[in-house]
Amino acid sequence: MGYALADALFWVDDWKPCYSDEKTFTRFLHAYSRGMGRGRLTKDSKVRQDRPCRGLLLSTGETTIEGEASILARMLVLEIPPWEKRDPGGKRLALAEAYRSSLPGFTAHFASWIAAQVEAGTLQSHLAREYELSVKGYRAKLTAQLGRQANTGRVIGNWAALITVYRLLRQFLEERDADDGLPAWQDSIVQTAKAVQEERAGQVFIDTLGQLLASGDVRLVDLDSDEEVKPGAPIIGYQDGRFIYLLPEISLREVKPTQSLNFTTKSIGDQLREDGWLIPNTTDGRLTIQKRLLGNRAWVWCLKREMFDGDTEDSGDAETHKTYRDAIQA
C-alpha cells in the first residue's frame, strides 16, 4: 500500500511499544527513511522488485522509541500540548472550519505556482540554495547551544528540509499578500538534538562514568601527583593537566552493572571520536594509543580533559592537541 499510494498520508495512530512489535516498527522506519522496501525473494530465489513506502508517515503517541538514537535522528519529534491549552474555547478551530471549503482551491493554486517555477528552471536552484543556508544556520545554532560534541548531521538535514518548504510556502503567500495567515515558524531542533545525544551509547557511557566518578565508586589516578597510589575504588584510567587516559575495557566493565549498554568498546569509542572527545592514534587510525603509565605500558583512549567537566564549548586547546598528536606520530 505504501508503494502504490505515493504521497498519501500514512497515519500510525497512538503508537505504544506494549501494543506493537518495536523491532518491526524500528526496521520499517529505517527502511522508510532510506527509501527502501522489504527485501523478498520469488519462488525461484530471485530478488523481487523493491517496493518502498512512498507515502508520508505521521505517527502519534505519548512515547517515542527509546535506545535508538539513529531512529530519533530520522524523525521530527514535535511535542504538542493538549487542545484546551492550544486553543481555549475552540476559537481558532472555528476560524479554520470557516476556511475548510477553500483548502482544495488553495492547494491547486500552490501546485500551479510551483509548476510555473519548475518550467522556468528556477525551483531546483532556489531550493538547493535555501536548504544550504538552513543547514549552515542550524549547524551554527546547535554548535552555540550544545557544543561540538553533538553529532547532529541527520537532525540538521531533516529540519533544514522542513524550513525550506515553509519558506517556499511563505513566499507563495507573500506574493498574494496573504502571509499574515501563516503561523510563525517554530522548531524544536535543540530538544531533538539533545534527545538523540542522550540516546547515543557514547553519551550514556560518559554520563554514567561521570556519576561513578562523582560518587567515588571508580577513580582516575592523577599522573601529576607525587602521592603513592593507595588501594581503594577501581582505577579506570589516568589523567594529567591535558588529557584523560581511559582504560576502555575496565571502564565499560564498571559501567555495565549501572547502565545496560549493548555496545562494544569499539562502537562507544567510535561515537566518542565522532563527538570530538576522543583523539585517535594518528599513526594507524586506532582508537587507542599506547602510553607508559606508572611504569607499565597500556593501550588507552586519549580523551579531552573537559569531558567530565560539562564543558561543551571549544576549550581552545587545539595547539596542545596538535603537539600531542605530533608526539604520537613521532
C-alpha atoms as a PDB file:
ATOM      1  CA  MET A   1       0.000   0.000   0.000  1.00  0.00           C
ATOM      2  CA  GLY A   2       2.812   2.397   0.846  1.00  0.00           C
ATOM      3  CA  TYR A   3       4.313   1.946  -2.601  1.00  0.00           C
ATOM      4  CA  ALA A   4       1.054   2.211  -4.561  1.00  0.00           C
ATOM      5  CA  LEU A   5      -0.359   5.204  -2.684  1.00  0.00           C
ATOM      6  CA  ALA A   6       2.546   7.573  -3.319  1.00  0.00           C
ATOM      7  CA  ASP A   7       2.397  10.902  -1.440  1.00  0.00           C
ATOM      8  CA  ALA A   8      -0.601   9.754   0.592  1.00  0.00           C
ATOM      9  CA  LEU A   9      -0.611  10.391   4.343  1.00  0.00           C
ATOM     10  CA  PHE A  10       0.020   7.234   6.380  1.00  0.00           C
ATOM     11  CA  TRP A  11      -1.026   7.692   9.974  1.00  0.00           C
ATOM     12  CA  VAL A  12       0.296   5.489  12.783  1.00  0.00           C
ATOM     13  CA  ASP A  13      -2.286   6.254  15.441  1.00  0.00           C
ATOM     14  CA  ASP A  14      -1.179   6.397  19.098  1.00  0.00           C
ATOM     15  CA  TRP A  15       1.892   4.147  18.842  1.00  0.00           C
ATOM     16  CA  LYS A  16       2.743   2.273  22.030  1.00  0.00           C
ATOM     17  CA  PRO A  17       5.597  -0.224  22.436  1.00  0.00           C
ATOM     18  CA  CYS A  18       3.393  -2.513  24.533  1.00  0.00           C
ATOM     19  CA  TYR A  19       0.884  -2.940  21.691  1.00  0.00           C
ATOM     20  CA  SER A  20       3.231  -3.361  18.736  1.00  0.00           C
ATOM     21  CA  ASP A  21       6.428  -5.121  17.765  1.00  0.00           C
ATOM     22  CA  GLU A  22       9.067  -2.472  18.400  1.00  0.00           C
ATOM     23  CA  LYS A  23      11.683  -4.275  16.286  1.00  0.00           C
ATOM     24  CA  THR A  24       9.354  -4.384  13.274  1.00  0.00           C
ATOM     25  CA  PHE A  25       8.454  -0.699  13.604  1.00  0.00           C
ATOM     26  CA  THR A  26      12.119   0.252  14.039  1.00  0.00           C
ATOM     27  CA  ARG A  27      13.100  -1.762  10.959  1.00  0.00           C
ATOM     28  CA  PHE A  28      10.291  -0.144   8.962  1.00  0.00           C
ATOM     29  CA  LEU A  29      11.362   3.379   9.989  1.00  0.00           C
ATOM     30  CA  HIS A  30      14.953   2.632   8.955  1.00  0.00           C
ATOM     31  CA  ALA A  31      13.804   1.414   5.545  1.00  0.00           C
ATOM     32  CA  TYR A  32      11.300   4.257   5.145  1.00  0.00           C
ATOM     33  CA  SER A  33      13.866   6.967   5.845  1.00  0.00           C
ATOM     34  CA  ARG A  34      16.242   5.447   3.283  1.00  0.00           C
ATOM     35  CA  GLY A  35      13.582   4.886   0.610  1.00  0.00           C
ATOM     36  CA  MET A  36      13.989   1.123   0.758  1.00  0.00           C
ATOM     37  CA  GLY A  37      11.413  -1.644   0.715  1.00  0.00           C
ATOM     38  CA  ARG A  38      11.268  -5.033   2.333  1.00  0.00           C
ATOM     39  CA  GLY A  39      13.700  -7.432   0.684  1.00  0.00           C
ATOM     40  CA  ARG A  40      11.967 -10.573  -0.579  1.00  0.00           C
ATOM     41  CA  LEU A  41      12.669 -13.428  -2.959  1.00  0.00           C
ATOM     42  CA  THR A  42      10.482 -15.117  -5.551  1.00  0.00           C
ATOM     43  CA  LYS A  43       9.839 -18.864  -5.548  1.00  0.00           C
ATOM     44  CA  ASP A  44      12.838 -19.119  -7.886  1.00  0.00           C
ATOM     45  CA  SER A  45      15.041 -17.405  -5.258  1.00  0.00           C
ATOM     46  CA  LYS A  46      15.335 -14.269  -7.369  1.00  0.00           C
ATOM     47  CA  VAL A  47      15.171 -10.806  -5.859  1.00  0.00           C
ATOM     48  CA  ARG A  48      11.756  -9.194  -6.199  1.00  0.00           C
ATOM     49  CA  GLN A  49      11.289  -5.581  -7.189  1.00  0.00           C
ATOM     50  CA  ASP A  50      11.917  -3.322  -4.207  1.00  0.00           C
ATOM     51  CA  ARG A  51       8.692  -1.549  -3.217  1.00  0.00           C
ATOM     52  CA  PRO A  52       9.418   1.128  -0.588  1.00  0.00           C
ATOM     53  CA  CYS A  53       6.763   3.136   1.188  1.00  0.00           C
ATOM     54  CA  ARG A  54       6.389   6.310  -0.887  1.00  0.00           C
ATOM     55  CA  GLY A  55       3.760   7.861   1.353  1.00  0.00           C
ATOM     56  CA  LEU A  56       4.195  10.460   4.099  1.00  0.00           C
ATOM     57  CA  LEU A  57       4.440   8.906   7.544  1.00  0.00           C
ATOM     58  CA  LEU A  58       2.845  10.613  10.538  1.00  0.00           C
ATOM     59  CA  SER A  59       2.966   8.841  13.888  1.00  0.00           C
ATOM     60  CA  THR A  60       1.333   9.952  17.114  1.00  0.00           C
ATOM     61  CA  GLY A  61       1.854   8.679  20.636  1.00  0.00           C
ATOM     62  CA  GLU A  62       2.732   9.613  24.172  1.00  0.00           C
ATOM     63  CA  THR A  63       6.162   7.958  23.995  1.00  0.00           C
ATOM     64  CA  THR A  64       8.965   7.611  21.467  1.00  0.00           C
ATOM     65  CA  ILE A  65      11.257   4.720  20.704  1.00  0.00           C
ATOM     66  CA  GLU A  66      13.950   4.534  23.364  1.00  0.00           C
ATOM     67  CA  GLY A  67      17.505   3.336  22.927  1.00  0.00           C
ATOM     68  CA  GLU A  68      17.509   4.012  19.186  1.00  0.00           C
ATOM     69  CA  ALA A  69      19.446   7.217  18.517  1.00  0.00           C
ATOM     70  CA  SER A  70      19.558   6.543  14.780  1.00  0.00           C
ATOM     71  CA  ILE A  71      15.740   6.349  14.673  1.00  0.00           C
ATOM     72  CA  LEU A  72      15.253   9.592  16.588  1.00  0.00           C
ATOM     73  CA  ALA A  73      17.708  11.280  14.228  1.00  0.00           C
ATOM     74  CA  ARG A  74      15.479  10.284  11.299  1.00  0.00           C
ATOM     75  CA  MET A  75      12.360  11.797  12.853  1.00  0.00           C
ATOM     76  CA  LEU A  76      10.934  15.242  13.513  1.00  0.00           C
ATOM     77  CA  VAL A  77       9.602  14.885  17.055  1.00  0.00           C
ATOM     78  CA  LEU A  78       7.063  17.566  17.986  1.00  0.00           C
ATOM     79  CA  GLU A  79       5.585  17.858  21.467  1.00  0.00           C
ATOM     80  CA  ILE A  80       2.022  19.115  21.129  1.00  0.00           C
ATOM     81  CA  PRO A  81       0.229  20.366  24.267  1.00  0.00           C
ATOM     82  CA  PRO A  82      -3.412  19.448  24.967  1.00  0.00           C
ATOM     83  CA  TRP A  83      -6.022  21.105  22.758  1.00  0.00           C
ATOM     84  CA  GLU A  84      -7.539  23.205  25.531  1.00  0.00           C
ATOM     85  CA  LYS A  85      -4.141  24.874  26.080  1.00  0.00           C
ATOM     86  CA  ARG A  86      -3.510  25.489  22.383  1.00  0.00           C
ATOM     87  CA  ASP A  87      -6.969  26.819  21.591  1.00  0.00           C
ATOM     88  CA  PRO A  88      -9.032  27.827  24.644  1.00  0.00           C
ATOM     89  CA  GLY A  89     -12.700  27.777  23.799  1.00  0.00           C
ATOM     90  CA  GLY A  90     -12.059  26.397  20.297  1.00  0.00           C
ATOM     91  CA  LYS A  91     -11.901  29.852  18.666  1.00  0.00           C
ATOM     92  CA  ARG A  92      -9.070  29.001  16.252  1.00  0.00           C
ATOM     93  CA  LEU A  93     -10.791  25.746  15.333  1.00  0.00           C
ATOM     94  CA  ALA A  94     -13.977  27.600  14.448  1.00  0.00           C
ATOM     95  CA  LEU A  95     -11.979  30.049  12.321  1.00  0.00           C
ATOM     96  CA  ALA A  96     -10.205  27.203  10.496  1.00  0.00           C
ATOM     97  CA  GLU A  97     -13.539  25.462   9.921  1.00  0.00           C
ATOM     98  CA  ALA A  98     -14.793  28.520   8.049  1.00  0.00           C
ATOM     99  CA  TYR A  99     -11.966  28.133   5.525  1.00  0.00           C
ATOM    100  CA  ARG A 100     -12.390  24.395   5.008  1.00  0.00           C
ATOM    101  CA  SER A 101     -14.099  24.764   1.626  1.00  0.00           C
ATOM    102  CA  SER A 102     -11.224  26.924   0.322  1.00  0.00           C
ATOM    103  CA  LEU A 103      -8.496  24.371   1.027  1.00  0.00           C
ATOM    104  CA  PRO A 104      -8.759  22.434  -2.289  1.00  0.00           C
ATOM    105  CA  GLY A 105      -8.518  25.682  -4.250  1.00  0.00           C
ATOM    106  CA  PHE A 106      -5.533  26.850  -2.211  1.00  0.00           C
ATOM    107  CA  THR A 107      -3.726  23.547  -2.858  1.00  0.00           C
ATOM    108  CA  ALA A 108      -4.382  23.792  -6.600  1.00  0.00           C
ATOM    109  CA  HIS A 109      -3.039  27.370  -6.769  1.00  0.00           C
ATOM    110  CA  PHE A 110       0.053  26.420  -4.765  1.00  0.00           C
ATOM    111  CA  ALA A 111       0.766  23.427  -7.035  1.00  0.00           C
ATOM    112  CA  SER A 112       0.318  25.617 -10.111  1.00  0.00           C
ATOM    113  CA  TRP A 113       2.732  28.207  -8.694  1.00  0.00           C
ATOM    114  CA  ILE A 114       5.374  25.532  -8.084  1.00  0.00           C
ATOM    115  CA  ALA A 115       4.842  24.073 -11.575  1.00  0.00           C
ATOM    116  CA  ALA A 116       5.496  27.500 -13.103  1.00  0.00           C
ATOM    117  CA  GLN A 117       8.841  27.687 -11.295  1.00  0.00           C
ATOM    118  CA  VAL A 118       9.750  24.207 -12.487  1.00  0.00           C
ATOM    119  CA  GLU A 119       9.041  25.199 -16.085  1.00  0.00           C
ATOM    120  CA  ALA A 120      11.133  28.348 -15.637  1.00  0.00           C
ATOM    121  CA  GLY A 121      14.025  26.232 -14.330  1.00  0.00           C
ATOM    122  CA  THR A 122      14.415  28.199 -11.084  1.00  0.00           C
ATOM    123  CA  LEU A 123      12.868  25.913  -8.470  1.00  0.00           C
ATOM    124  CA  GLN A 124      15.709  23.426  -8.054  1.00  0.00           C
ATOM    125  CA  SER A 125      18.451  26.039  -7.646  1.00  0.00           C
ATOM    126  CA  HIS A 126      16.244  28.051  -5.273  1.00  0.00           C
ATOM    127  CA  LEU A 127      15.567  25.032  -3.040  1.00  0.00           C
ATOM    128  CA  ALA A 128      19.222  23.983  -3.069  1.00  0.00           C
ATOM    129  CA  ARG A 129      20.327  27.467  -2.019  1.00  0.00           C
ATOM    130  CA  GLU A 130      17.719  27.768   0.719  1.00  0.00           C
ATOM    131  CA  TYR A 131      18.495  24.282   2.015  1.00  0.00           C
ATOM    132  CA  GLU A 132      22.230  25.024   2.206  1.00  0.00           C
ATOM    133  CA  LEU A 133      21.585  28.265   4.113  1.00  0.00           C
ATOM    134  CA  SER A 134      19.280  26.438   6.517  1.00  0.00           C
ATOM    135  CA  VAL A 135      21.879  23.728   7.165  1.00  0.00           C
ATOM    136  CA  LYS A 136      24.536  26.338   7.940  1.00  0.00           C
ATOM    137  CA  GLY A 137      22.176  28.252  10.215  1.00  0.00           C
ATOM    138  CA  TYR A 138      21.082  25.190  12.174  1.00  0.00           C
ATOM    139  CA  ARG A 139      24.650  23.915  12.474  1.00  0.00           C
ATOM    140  CA  ALA A 140      25.733  27.250  13.952  1.00  0.00           C
ATOM    141  CA  LYS A 141      22.745  27.249  16.314  1.00  0.00           C
ATOM    142  CA  LEU A 142      23.456  23.759  17.648  1.00  0.00           C
ATOM    143  CA  THR A 143      27.173  24.449  17.956  1.00  0.00           C
ATOM    144  CA  ALA A 144      26.411  27.537  20.041  1.00  0.00           C
ATOM    145  CA  GLN A 145      23.934  25.774  22.318  1.00  0.00           C
ATOM    146  CA  LEU A 146      25.187  22.193  22.501  1.00  0.00           C
ATOM    147  CA  GLY A 147      28.872  22.467  21.716  1.00  0.00           C
ATOM    148  CA  ARG A 148      30.987  20.446  19.314  1.00  0.00           C
ATOM    149  CA  GLN A 149      30.301  17.030  20.833  1.00  0.00           C
ATOM    150  CA  ALA A 150      26.786  16.686  19.393  1.00  0.00           C
ATOM    151  CA  ASN A 151      26.621  14.538  16.260  1.00  0.00           C
ATOM    152  CA  THR A 152      23.566  16.106  14.632  1.00  0.00           C
ATOM    153  CA  GLY A 153      24.085  15.838  10.885  1.00  0.00           C
ATOM    154  CA  ARG A 154      20.869  13.940  10.123  1.00  0.00           C
ATOM    155  CA  VAL A 155      18.804  16.048  12.533  1.00  0.00           C
ATOM    156  CA  ILE A 156      20.034  19.221  10.854  1.00  0.00           C
ATOM    157  CA  GLY A 157      19.162  17.872   7.416  1.00  0.00           C
ATOM    158  CA  ASN A 158      15.624  16.968   8.480  1.00  0.00           C
ATOM    159  CA  TRP A 159      14.863  20.376   9.960  1.00  0.00           C
ATOM    160  CA  ALA A 160      16.574  22.187   7.080  1.00  0.00           C
ATOM    161  CA  ALA A 161      14.323  20.407   4.598  1.00  0.00           C
ATOM    162  CA  LEU A 162      11.229  21.324   6.591  1.00  0.00           C
ATOM    163  CA  ILE A 163      12.036  25.025   6.979  1.00  0.00           C
ATOM    164  CA  THR A 164      12.984  25.229   3.296  1.00  0.00           C
ATOM    165  CA  VAL A 165       9.474  24.125   2.346  1.00  0.00           C
ATOM    166  CA  TYR A 166       7.995  26.512   4.922  1.00  0.00           C
ATOM    167  CA  ARG A 167       9.863  29.421   3.320  1.00  0.00           C
ATOM    168  CA  LEU A 168       8.606  28.327  -0.090  1.00  0.00           C
ATOM    169  CA  LEU A 169       5.044  28.425   1.207  1.00  0.00           C
ATOM    170  CA  ARG A 170       5.610  31.829   2.788  1.00  0.00           C
ATOM    171  CA  GLN A 171       6.969  33.203  -0.496  1.00  0.00           C
ATOM    172  CA  PHE A 172       3.824  31.965  -2.264  1.00  0.00           C
ATOM    173  CA  LEU A 173       1.585  33.679   0.303  1.00  0.00           C
ATOM    174  CA  GLU A 174       3.620  36.895   0.306  1.00  0.00           C
ATOM    175  CA  GLU A 175       3.141  37.266  -3.442  1.00  0.00           C
ATOM    176  CA  ARG A 176      -0.602  37.171  -2.787  1.00  0.00           C
ATOM    177  CA  ASP A 177      -0.412  39.429   0.261  1.00  0.00           C
ATOM    178  CA  ALA A 178      -1.792  36.637   2.432  1.00  0.00           C
ATOM    179  CA  ASP A 179       1.196  35.665   4.579  1.00  0.00           C
ATOM    180  CA  ASP A 180      -0.423  37.114   7.703  1.00  0.00           C
ATOM    181  CA  GLY A 181      -2.435  33.888   7.957  1.00  0.00           C
ATOM    182  CA  LEU A 182       0.691  31.708   8.148  1.00  0.00           C
ATOM    183  CA  PRO A 183       1.756  30.827  11.727  1.00  0.00           C
ATOM    184  CA  ALA A 184       5.241  31.932  12.778  1.00  0.00           C
ATOM    185  CA  TRP A 185       7.972  29.334  12.382  1.00  0.00           C
ATOM    186  CA  GLN A 186       8.785  27.344  15.495  1.00  0.00           C
ATOM    187  CA  ASP A 187      11.103  24.393  15.782  1.00  0.00           C
ATOM    188  CA  SER A 188      12.460  22.057  18.452  1.00  0.00           C
ATOM    189  CA  ILE A 189      15.745  21.136  16.828  1.00  0.00           C
ATOM    190  CA  VAL A 190      17.706  21.750  20.036  1.00  0.00           C
ATOM    191  CA  GLN A 191      15.413  19.436  22.001  1.00  0.00           C
ATOM    192  CA  THR A 192      15.590  16.838  19.218  1.00  0.00           C
ATOM    193  CA  ALA A 193      19.386  17.003  19.104  1.00  0.00           C
ATOM    194  CA  LYS A 194      19.564  16.633  22.896  1.00  0.00           C
ATOM    195  CA  ALA A 195      17.261  13.607  22.781  1.00  0.00           C
ATOM    196  CA  VAL A 196      19.394  11.975  20.096  1.00  0.00           C
ATOM    197  CA  GLN A 197      22.548  12.766  22.036  1.00  0.00           C
ATOM    198  CA  GLU A 198      21.123  11.239  25.216  1.00  0.00           C
ATOM    199  CA  GLU A 199      20.322   8.027  23.327  1.00  0.00           C
ATOM    200  CA  ARG A 200      23.830   7.657  21.914  1.00  0.00           C
ATOM    201  CA  ALA A 201      25.892   4.973  23.626  1.00  0.00           C
ATOM    202  CA  GLY A 202      28.896   7.293  23.850  1.00  0.00           C
ATOM    203  CA  GLN A 203      26.943   9.962  25.731  1.00  0.00           C
ATOM    204  CA  VAL A 204      25.285   7.416  28.046  1.00  0.00           C
ATOM    205  CA  PHE A 205      28.738   5.973  28.733  1.00  0.00           C
ATOM    206  CA  ILE A 206      30.170   9.407  29.602  1.00  0.00           C
ATOM    207  CA  ASP A 207      27.211  10.356  31.813  1.00  0.00           C
ATOM    208  CA  THR A 208      27.287   7.060  33.733  1.00  0.00           C
ATOM    209  CA  LEU A 209      31.054   7.140  34.167  1.00  0.00           C
ATOM    210  CA  GLY A 210      30.826  10.725  35.407  1.00  0.00           C
ATOM    211  CA  GLN A 211      28.303   9.682  38.052  1.00  0.00           C
ATOM    212  CA  LEU A 212      30.512   6.801  39.165  1.00  0.00           C
ATOM    213  CA  LEU A 213      33.471   9.174  39.493  1.00  0.00           C
ATOM    214  CA  ALA A 214      31.414  11.704  41.446  1.00  0.00           C
ATOM    215  CA  SER A 215      30.193   9.010  43.853  1.00  0.00           C
ATOM    216  CA  GLY A 216      33.695   7.649  44.381  1.00  0.00           C
ATOM    217  CA  ASP A 217      32.816   4.189  43.044  1.00  0.00           C
ATOM    218  CA  VAL A 218      35.651   4.480  40.486  1.00  0.00           C
ATOM    219  CA  ARG A 219      38.647   6.792  40.229  1.00  0.00           C
ATOM    220  CA  LEU A 220      41.222   8.334  37.947  1.00  0.00           C
ATOM    221  CA  VAL A 221      44.861   8.426  39.045  1.00  0.00           C
ATOM    222  CA  ASP A 222      46.486  11.860  38.742  1.00  0.00           C
ATOM    223  CA  LEU A 223      49.816  11.461  36.907  1.00  0.00           C
ATOM    224  CA  ASP A 224      50.945  14.934  38.006  1.00  0.00           C
ATOM    225  CA  SER A 225      50.719  13.998  41.673  1.00  0.00           C
ATOM    226  CA  ASP A 226      53.650  12.510  43.591  1.00  0.00           C
ATOM    227  CA  GLU A 227      51.367  10.719  46.022  1.00  0.00           C
ATOM    228  CA  GLU A 228      51.534   6.952  46.136  1.00  0.00           C
ATOM    229  CA  VAL A 229      48.541   5.166  44.599  1.00  0.00           C
ATOM    230  CA  LYS A 230      46.676   3.611  47.511  1.00  0.00           C
ATOM    231  CA  PRO A 231      44.184   0.742  47.392  1.00  0.00           C
ATOM    232  CA  GLY A 232      40.588   1.815  47.028  1.00  0.00           C
ATOM    233  CA  ALA A 233      37.934   2.122  44.333  1.00  0.00           C
ATOM    234  CA  PRO A 234      38.721   0.516  40.945  1.00  0.00           C
ATOM    235  CA  ILE A 235      41.071   2.539  38.733  1.00  0.00           C
ATOM    236  CA  ILE A 236      39.512   3.174  35.305  1.00  0.00           C
ATOM    237  CA  GLY A 237      42.258   5.400  33.945  1.00  0.00           C
ATOM    238  CA  TYR A 238      44.703   8.215  34.489  1.00  0.00           C
ATOM    239  CA  GLN A 239      44.780  11.962  33.968  1.00  0.00           C
ATOM    240  CA  ASP A 240      47.237  14.819  33.680  1.00  0.00           C
ATOM    241  CA  GLY A 241      46.889  18.519  33.017  1.00  0.00           C
ATOM    242  CA  ARG A 242      45.942  17.911  29.397  1.00  0.00           C
ATOM    243  CA  PHE A 243      44.122  14.625  28.896  1.00  0.00           C
ATOM    244  CA  ILE A 244      42.331  11.659  30.437  1.00  0.00           C
ATOM    245  CA  TYR A 245      43.772   8.252  29.570  1.00  0.00           C
ATOM    246  CA  LEU A 246      40.876   5.854  29.961  1.00  0.00           C
ATOM    247  CA  LEU A 247      41.190   2.047  30.110  1.00  0.00           C
ATOM    248  CA  PRO A 248      38.309   1.064  27.773  1.00  0.00           C
ATOM    249  CA  GLU A 249      37.524  -2.489  28.850  1.00  0.00           C
ATOM    250  CA  ILE A 250      37.804  -1.767  32.576  1.00  0.00           C
ATOM    251  CA  SER A 251      35.654   1.371  32.243  1.00  0.00           C
ATOM    252  CA  LEU A 252      32.932  -0.487  30.351  1.00  0.00           C
ATOM    253  CA  ARG A 253      33.023  -3.279  32.925  1.00  0.00           C
ATOM    254  CA  GLU A 254      32.318  -0.744  35.675  1.00  0.00           C
ATOM    255  CA  VAL A 255      29.543   0.977  33.709  1.00  0.00           C
ATOM    256  CA  LYS A 256      27.555  -2.129  32.731  1.00  0.00           C
ATOM    257  CA  PRO A 257      26.170  -3.004  36.201  1.00  0.00           C
ATOM    258  CA  THR A 258      24.750   0.532  36.411  1.00  0.00           C
ATOM    259  CA  GLN A 259      23.706   1.108  32.793  1.00  0.00           C
ATOM    260  CA  SER A 260      22.834  -1.689  30.377  1.00  0.00           C
ATOM    261  CA  LEU A 261      24.766  -0.931  27.187  1.00  0.00           C
ATOM    262  CA  ASN A 262      24.552  -3.384  24.309  1.00  0.00           C
ATOM    263  CA  PHE A 263      27.636  -1.868  22.696  1.00  0.00           C
ATOM    264  CA  THR A 264      31.293  -2.830  22.441  1.00  0.00           C
ATOM    265  CA  THR A 265      34.186  -0.596  23.407  1.00  0.00           C
ATOM    266  CA  LYS A 266      34.834  -0.050  19.686  1.00  0.00           C
ATOM    267  CA  SER A 267      31.327   1.262  18.982  1.00  0.00           C
ATOM    268  CA  ILE A 268      31.467   3.518  22.041  1.00  0.00           C
ATOM    269  CA  GLY A 269      34.937   4.723  21.072  1.00  0.00           C
ATOM    270  CA  ASP A 270      33.773   5.442  17.515  1.00  0.00           C
ATOM    271  CA  GLN A 271      30.961   7.623  18.862  1.00  0.00           C
ATOM    272  CA  LEU A 272      33.298   9.433  21.253  1.00  0.00           C
ATOM    273  CA  ARG A 273      35.570  10.170  18.313  1.00  0.00           C
ATOM    274  CA  GLU A 274      32.655  11.407  16.187  1.00  0.00           C
ATOM    275  CA  ASP A 275      31.545  13.662  19.043  1.00  0.00           C
ATOM    276  CA  GLY A 276      35.016  15.176  19.309  1.00  0.00           C
ATOM    277  CA  TRP A 277      36.014  13.777  22.706  1.00  0.00           C
ATOM    278  CA  LEU A 278      38.424  11.021  21.679  1.00  0.00           C
ATOM    279  CA  ILE A 279      41.730  11.790  19.984  1.00  0.00           C
ATOM    280  CA  PRO A 280      42.669   8.782  17.821  1.00  0.00           C
ATOM    281  CA  ASN A 281      46.123   7.424  17.167  1.00  0.00           C
ATOM    282  CA  THR A 282      47.321   9.235  14.053  1.00  0.00           C
ATOM    283  CA  THR A 283      49.870   6.562  13.171  1.00  0.00           C
ATOM    284  CA  ASP A 284      47.356   3.868  12.279  1.00  0.00           C
ATOM    285  CA  GLY A 285      43.907   5.349  12.987  1.00  0.00           C
ATOM    286  CA  ARG A 286      43.319   3.213  16.087  1.00  0.00           C
ATOM    287  CA  LEU A 287      41.017   4.445  18.800  1.00  0.00           C
ATOM    288  CA  THR A 288      43.655   3.650  21.423  1.00  0.00           C
ATOM    289  CA  ILE A 289      47.189   4.867  21.963  1.00  0.00           C
ATOM    290  CA  GLN A 290      49.964   3.086  23.832  1.00  0.00           C
ATOM    291  CA  LYS A 291      51.195   5.006  26.844  1.00  0.00           C
ATOM    292  CA  ARG A 292      53.504   4.264  29.776  1.00  0.00           C
ATOM    293  CA  LEU A 293      51.540   4.669  32.996  1.00  0.00           C
ATOM    294  CA  LEU A 294      53.276   4.292  36.350  1.00  0.00           C
ATOM    295  CA  GLY A 295      55.970   2.144  34.786  1.00  0.00           C
ATOM    296  CA  ASN A 296      53.656  -0.079  32.719  1.00  0.00           C
ATOM    297  CA  ARG A 297      52.554   0.270  29.110  1.00  0.00           C
ATOM    298  CA  ALA A 298      48.852   0.143  28.364  1.00  0.00           C
ATOM    299  CA  TRP A 299      46.505   0.794  25.459  1.00  0.00           C
ATOM    300  CA  VAL A 300      44.192   3.644  26.442  1.00  0.00           C
ATOM    301  CA  TRP A 301      41.694   6.109  24.998  1.00  0.00           C
ATOM    302  CA  CYS A 302      43.122   9.624  24.901  1.00  0.00           C
ATOM    303  CA  LEU A 303      40.190  11.867  25.836  1.00  0.00           C
ATOM    304  CA  LYS A 304      39.814  15.606  26.267  1.00  0.00           C
ATOM    305  CA  ARG A 305      40.149  16.628  29.890  1.00  0.00           C
ATOM    306  CA  GLU A 306      36.892  18.589  29.962  1.00  0.00           C
ATOM    307  CA  MET A 307      34.834  15.518  29.023  1.00  0.00           C
ATOM    308  CA  PHE A 308      33.664  15.044  32.620  1.00  0.00           C
ATOM    309  CA  ASP A 309      33.536  18.757  33.404  1.00  0.00           C
ATOM    310  CA  GLY A 310      30.351  19.515  31.453  1.00  0.00           C
ATOM    311  CA  ASP A 311      32.253  21.957  29.198  1.00  0.00           C
ATOM    312  CA  THR A 312      30.683  21.664  25.752  1.00  0.00           C
ATOM    313  CA  GLU A 313      32.375  24.675  24.240  1.00  0.00           C
ATOM    314  CA  ASP A 314      35.666  24.647  22.389  1.00  0.00           C
ATOM    315  CA  SER A 315      38.277  24.813  25.134  1.00  0.00           C
ATOM    316  CA  GLY A 316      40.864  26.500  22.956  1.00  0.00           C
ATOM    317  CA  ASP A 317      43.468  23.780  23.497  1.00  0.00           C
ATOM    318  CA  ALA A 318      43.882  22.938  19.815  1.00  0.00           C
ATOM    319  CA  GLU A 319      47.604  23.679  19.938  1.00  0.00           C
ATOM    320  CA  THR A 320      48.052  21.310  22.860  1.00  0.00           C
ATOM    321  CA  HIS A 321      46.206  18.592  20.949  1.00  0.00           C
ATOM    322  CA  LYS A 322      48.312  19.227  17.875  1.00  0.00           C
ATOM    323  CA  THR A 323      51.504  18.932  19.916  1.00  0.00           C
ATOM    324  CA  TYR A 324      50.315  15.689  21.435  1.00  0.00           C
ATOM    325  CA  ARG A 325      49.312  14.296  18.033  1.00  0.00           C
ATOM    326  CA  ASP A 326      52.756  15.145  16.721  1.00  0.00           C
ATOM    327  CA  ALA A 327      54.248  13.286  19.659  1.00  0.00           C
ATOM    328  CA  ILE A 328      52.106  10.222  18.896  1.00  0.00           C
ATOM    329  CA  GLN A 329      53.095  10.407  15.243  1.00  0.00           C
ATOM    330  CA  ALA A 330      56.778  10.585  16.191  1.00  0.00           C
END
